[in-house]
Protein backbone atom coordinates (compact mmCIF):
# COMPACT_ATOMS: atom_id res chain seq x y z
CA UNK A 1 98.58 36.16 113.10
CA UNK A 2 97.28 39.58 113.99
CA UNK A 3 97.07 41.50 117.25
CA UNK A 4 94.85 44.36 118.35
CA UNK A 5 95.50 47.36 120.58
CA UNK A 6 96.06 46.37 124.20
CA UNK A 7 96.91 42.75 123.42
CA UNK A 8 99.99 41.19 125.06
CA UNK A 9 102.74 40.64 122.48
CA UNK A 10 106.45 39.92 122.29
CA UNK A 11 108.68 42.07 120.10
CA UNK A 12 112.20 41.53 118.80
CA UNK A 13 114.87 43.98 117.73
CA UNK A 14 118.58 43.83 116.86
CA UNK A 15 120.38 46.33 119.09
CA UNK A 16 123.90 45.81 117.72
CA UNK A 17 125.13 43.93 114.68
CA UNK A 18 128.26 41.76 115.05
CA UNK A 19 130.63 44.48 113.75
CA UNK A 20 129.21 47.04 116.19
CA UNK A 21 129.84 45.07 119.37
CA UNK A 22 132.55 46.03 121.84
CA UNK A 23 136.03 44.67 121.08
CA UNK A 24 136.24 43.27 124.63
CA UNK A 25 133.35 40.86 123.94
CA UNK A 26 134.58 37.25 123.42
CA UNK A 27 134.91 36.37 119.74
CA UNK A 28 132.15 33.74 119.71
CA UNK A 29 129.76 36.27 121.29
CA UNK A 30 130.97 39.15 119.13
CA UNK A 31 130.15 37.20 115.98
CA UNK A 32 126.45 37.31 116.91
CA UNK A 33 124.06 40.27 117.02
CA UNK A 34 122.93 41.67 120.36
CA UNK A 35 119.18 40.99 120.36
CA UNK A 36 116.32 42.37 122.44
CA UNK A 37 113.07 40.59 123.17
CA UNK A 38 110.44 42.37 125.24
CA UNK A 39 106.82 41.72 126.10
CA UNK A 40 104.15 44.34 126.52
CA UNK A 41 100.81 45.72 125.41
CA UNK A 42 100.39 46.71 121.77
CA UNK A 43 99.82 50.45 121.28
CA UNK A 44 98.81 50.32 117.59
CA UNK A 45 95.18 49.65 116.64
CA UNK A 46 96.09 46.47 114.74
CA UNK A 47 99.28 44.77 113.58
CA UNK A 48 100.54 41.50 112.11
CA UNK A 49 103.43 39.32 113.25
CA UNK A 50 106.59 40.73 111.64
CA UNK A 51 105.37 44.34 111.61
CA UNK A 52 107.25 47.13 113.38
CA UNK A 53 105.20 48.31 116.38
CA UNK A 54 105.41 50.09 119.72
CA UNK A 55 104.47 48.37 122.97
CA UNK A 56 104.13 49.50 126.55
CA UNK A 57 105.76 47.16 129.05
CA UNK A 58 104.33 46.31 132.45
CA UNK A 59 106.80 48.84 133.88
CA UNK A 60 105.42 51.57 131.61
CA UNK A 61 108.35 51.74 129.13
CA UNK A 62 107.57 52.26 125.47
CA UNK A 63 109.68 50.02 123.21
CA UNK A 64 109.79 49.58 119.41
CA UNK A 65 110.36 46.32 117.57
CA UNK A 66 108.85 43.71 115.26
CA UNK A 67 106.07 41.55 116.66
CA UNK A 68 107.43 38.07 117.19
CA UNK A 69 104.41 36.47 118.87
CA UNK A 70 100.93 37.30 120.11
CA UNK A 71 99.98 36.36 123.67
CA UNK A 72 103.26 34.46 124.20
CA UNK A 73 103.40 31.71 126.77
CA UNK A 74 105.98 31.40 129.53
CA UNK A 75 108.40 28.66 128.51
CA UNK A 76 111.05 28.97 131.21
CA UNK A 77 111.56 26.67 134.17
CA UNK A 78 114.00 26.39 137.02
CA UNK A 79 115.62 23.15 135.88
CA UNK A 80 115.55 19.63 137.28
CA UNK A 81 114.78 18.84 140.89
CA UNK A 82 117.97 18.74 142.97
CA UNK A 83 117.54 17.07 146.39
CA UNK A 84 120.53 18.89 147.91
CA UNK A 85 118.97 22.27 147.10
CA UNK A 86 115.68 21.28 148.70
CA UNK A 87 117.52 20.20 151.84
CA UNK A 88 119.54 23.43 151.90
CA UNK A 89 116.33 25.45 151.49
CA UNK A 90 114.69 23.72 154.47
CA UNK A 91 117.84 24.18 156.55
CA UNK A 92 117.99 27.88 155.69
CA UNK A 93 114.31 28.33 156.59
CA UNK A 94 114.89 26.69 159.99
CA UNK A 95 117.92 28.90 160.59
CA UNK A 96 116.12 32.11 159.59
CA UNK A 97 113.08 31.35 161.73
CA UNK A 98 115.15 30.35 164.79
CA UNK A 99 114.02 26.74 164.65
CA UNK A 100 117.51 25.26 164.49
CA UNK A 101 118.92 24.24 167.88
CA UNK A 102 122.51 24.17 166.54
CA UNK A 103 122.89 27.97 166.55
């Protein structure tokens, strides 16, 4: 898949290989590379997935890496619904707005 200048892309880069990580890092973590994934706007005229490119992030930083995806979707969520958290949120809102008579 190809991308053109100004298109939203995600890049990937290895920052540290396993042997380069700090000795204080737990062994299971230290055995893995430290990876960077960043999204931003492509600065090159045209590029293919897997090519080394430069992007500009929404914060204006320029970052180099290999294109991993073009116009990536947001895949995160905030987990399953937890009734106790909803109740705590409503209670906190009442407290902050002065609506709780138990002050």
